[in-house]
N, C-alpha and C. Protein backbone atom coordinates (compact mmCIF):
# COMPACT_ATOMS: atom_id res chain seq x y z
N UNK A 1 -8.93 10.44 34.31
CA UNK A 1 -7.79 9.67 34.75
C UNK A 1 -7.61 8.46 33.82
N UNK A 2 -6.39 8.04 33.62
CA UNK A 2 -6.08 6.92 32.72
C UNK A 2 -6.38 5.59 33.41
N UNK A 3 -7.09 4.73 32.71
CA UNK A 3 -7.35 3.38 33.19
C UNK A 3 -6.28 2.47 32.58
N UNK A 4 -5.26 2.16 33.37
CA UNK A 4 -4.12 1.42 32.86
C UNK A 4 -4.48 0.01 32.40
N UNK A 5 -5.41 -0.63 33.08
CA UNK A 5 -5.83 -1.98 32.68
C UNK A 5 -6.46 -1.95 31.28
N UNK A 6 -7.30 -0.95 31.03
CA UNK A 6 -7.94 -0.82 29.72
C UNK A 6 -6.91 -0.51 28.64
N UNK A 7 -5.97 0.35 28.95
CA UNK A 7 -4.92 0.71 27.99
C UNK A 7 -4.04 -0.50 27.67
N UNK A 8 -3.75 -1.32 28.67
CA UNK A 8 -2.95 -2.52 28.42
C UNK A 8 -3.69 -3.52 27.54
N UNK A 9 -5.02 -3.61 27.67
CA UNK A 9 -5.81 -4.51 26.81
C UNK A 9 -5.79 -4.03 25.36
N UNK A 10 -5.72 -2.73 25.16
CA UNK A 10 -5.70 -2.15 23.81
C UNK A 10 -4.33 -2.24 23.13
N UNK A 11 -3.30 -2.46 23.94
CA UNK A 11 -1.93 -2.41 23.43
C UNK A 11 -1.66 -3.52 22.42
N UNK A 12 -1.04 -3.14 21.29
CA UNK A 12 -0.55 -4.08 20.29
C UNK A 12 0.89 -3.69 19.99
N UNK A 13 1.82 -4.63 20.17
CA UNK A 13 3.23 -4.27 19.93
C UNK A 13 3.46 -3.90 18.46
N UNK A 14 4.40 -3.01 18.23
CA UNK A 14 4.71 -2.62 16.85
C UNK A 14 5.49 -3.73 16.17
N UNK A 15 5.45 -3.72 14.83
CA UNK A 15 6.16 -4.73 14.06
C UNK A 15 7.66 -4.47 14.11
N UNK A 16 8.43 -5.53 14.01
CA UNK A 16 9.87 -5.39 13.91
C UNK A 16 10.21 -4.88 12.51
N UNK A 17 11.39 -4.37 12.33
CA UNK A 17 11.80 -3.77 11.07
C UNK A 17 11.63 -4.76 9.91
N UNK A 18 12.05 -5.99 10.09
CA UNK A 18 11.96 -6.99 9.03
C UNK A 18 10.50 -7.28 8.68
N UNK A 19 9.64 -7.33 9.68
CA UNK A 19 8.22 -7.59 9.45
C UNK A 19 7.57 -6.43 8.70
N UNK A 20 7.96 -5.22 9.05
CA UNK A 20 7.41 -4.04 8.38
C UNK A 20 7.85 -4.05 6.92
N UNK A 21 9.11 -4.31 6.69
CA UNK A 21 9.65 -4.36 5.33
C UNK A 21 8.90 -5.39 4.49
N UNK A 22 8.68 -6.56 5.05
CA UNK A 22 7.97 -7.63 4.35
C UNK A 22 6.53 -7.23 4.07
N UNK A 23 5.88 -6.61 5.03
CA UNK A 23 4.49 -6.18 4.85
C UNK A 23 4.38 -5.14 3.75
N UNK A 24 5.34 -4.24 3.68
CA UNK A 24 5.31 -3.19 2.65
C UNK A 24 5.57 -3.79 1.28
N UNK A 25 6.58 -4.62 1.15
CA UNK A 25 6.93 -5.17 -0.16
C UNK A 25 5.91 -6.16 -0.68
N UNK A 26 5.14 -6.79 0.19
CA UNK A 26 4.15 -7.77 -0.25
C UNK A 26 2.84 -7.13 -0.70
N UNK A 27 2.70 -5.83 -0.57
CA UNK A 27 1.49 -5.16 -1.02
C UNK A 27 1.64 -4.77 -2.48
N UNK A 28 0.58 -4.98 -3.25
CA UNK A 28 0.59 -4.62 -4.66
C UNK A 28 0.00 -3.22 -4.78
N UNK A 29 0.86 -2.22 -4.77
CA UNK A 29 0.42 -0.84 -4.80
C UNK A 29 0.63 -0.25 -6.20
N UNK A 30 -0.33 0.51 -6.66
CA UNK A 30 -0.22 1.20 -7.93
C UNK A 30 0.20 2.63 -7.65
N UNK A 31 1.27 3.07 -8.30
CA UNK A 31 1.68 4.46 -8.12
C UNK A 31 1.36 5.25 -9.37
N UNK A 32 1.69 6.51 -9.37
CA UNK A 32 1.36 7.41 -10.47
C UNK A 32 2.01 6.93 -11.77
N UNK A 33 3.23 6.43 -11.69
CA UNK A 33 3.91 5.95 -12.89
C UNK A 33 3.14 4.79 -13.53
N UNK A 34 2.63 3.87 -12.71
CA UNK A 34 1.85 2.75 -13.23
C UNK A 34 0.58 3.25 -13.92
N UNK A 35 -0.06 4.24 -13.35
CA UNK A 35 -1.28 4.80 -13.93
C UNK A 35 -0.97 5.44 -15.27
N UNK A 36 0.12 6.22 -15.32
CA UNK A 36 0.50 6.88 -16.57
C UNK A 36 0.85 5.87 -17.66
N UNK A 37 1.58 4.83 -17.33
CA UNK A 37 1.92 3.80 -18.31
C UNK A 37 0.65 3.15 -18.85
N UNK A 38 -0.29 2.85 -17.97
CA UNK A 38 -1.56 2.26 -18.40
C UNK A 38 -2.33 3.18 -19.33
N UNK A 39 -2.33 4.48 -19.01
CA UNK A 39 -3.03 5.45 -19.86
C UNK A 39 -2.36 5.55 -21.23
N UNK A 40 -1.04 5.52 -21.25
CA UNK A 40 -0.32 5.62 -22.53
C UNK A 40 -0.57 4.39 -23.39
N UNK A 41 -0.60 3.20 -22.77
CA UNK A 41 -0.89 1.97 -23.51
C UNK A 41 -2.29 2.01 -24.09
N UNK A 42 -3.24 2.46 -23.28
CA UNK A 42 -4.63 2.55 -23.74
C UNK A 42 -4.76 3.53 -24.89
N UNK A 43 -4.07 4.67 -24.80
CA UNK A 43 -4.12 5.67 -25.87
C UNK A 43 -3.49 5.13 -27.14
N UNK A 44 -2.40 4.40 -27.01
CA UNK A 44 -1.72 3.82 -28.18
C UNK A 44 -2.62 2.78 -28.85
N UNK A 45 -3.27 1.93 -28.06
CA UNK A 45 -4.17 0.91 -28.61
C UNK A 45 -5.35 1.57 -29.31
N UNK A 46 -5.87 2.63 -28.72
CA UNK A 46 -6.99 3.36 -29.29
C UNK A 46 -6.59 4.00 -30.63
N UNK A 47 -5.36 4.51 -30.67
CA UNK A 47 -4.83 5.13 -31.88
C UNK A 47 -4.68 4.09 -33.00
N UNK A 48 -4.23 2.90 -32.64
CA UNK A 48 -4.02 1.83 -33.61
C UNK A 48 -5.35 1.30 -34.15
N UNK A 49 -6.39 1.32 -33.32
CA UNK A 49 -7.69 0.80 -33.73
C UNK A 49 -8.47 1.82 -34.55
N UNK A 50 -8.28 3.09 -34.33
CA UNK A 50 -9.15 4.07 -34.97
C UNK A 50 -8.42 4.95 -35.86
């Protein structure tokens, strides 16, 4: 059986749309394109040095 008092203690309201948007945009995430650009720069530097 569900213990409603316990479930209410666990409850955390969801973020509002603006808060979610802000939380997402404030994270510094690396995507595949960033990784590829970094690899290409490293390969170019390696080519120039050797």
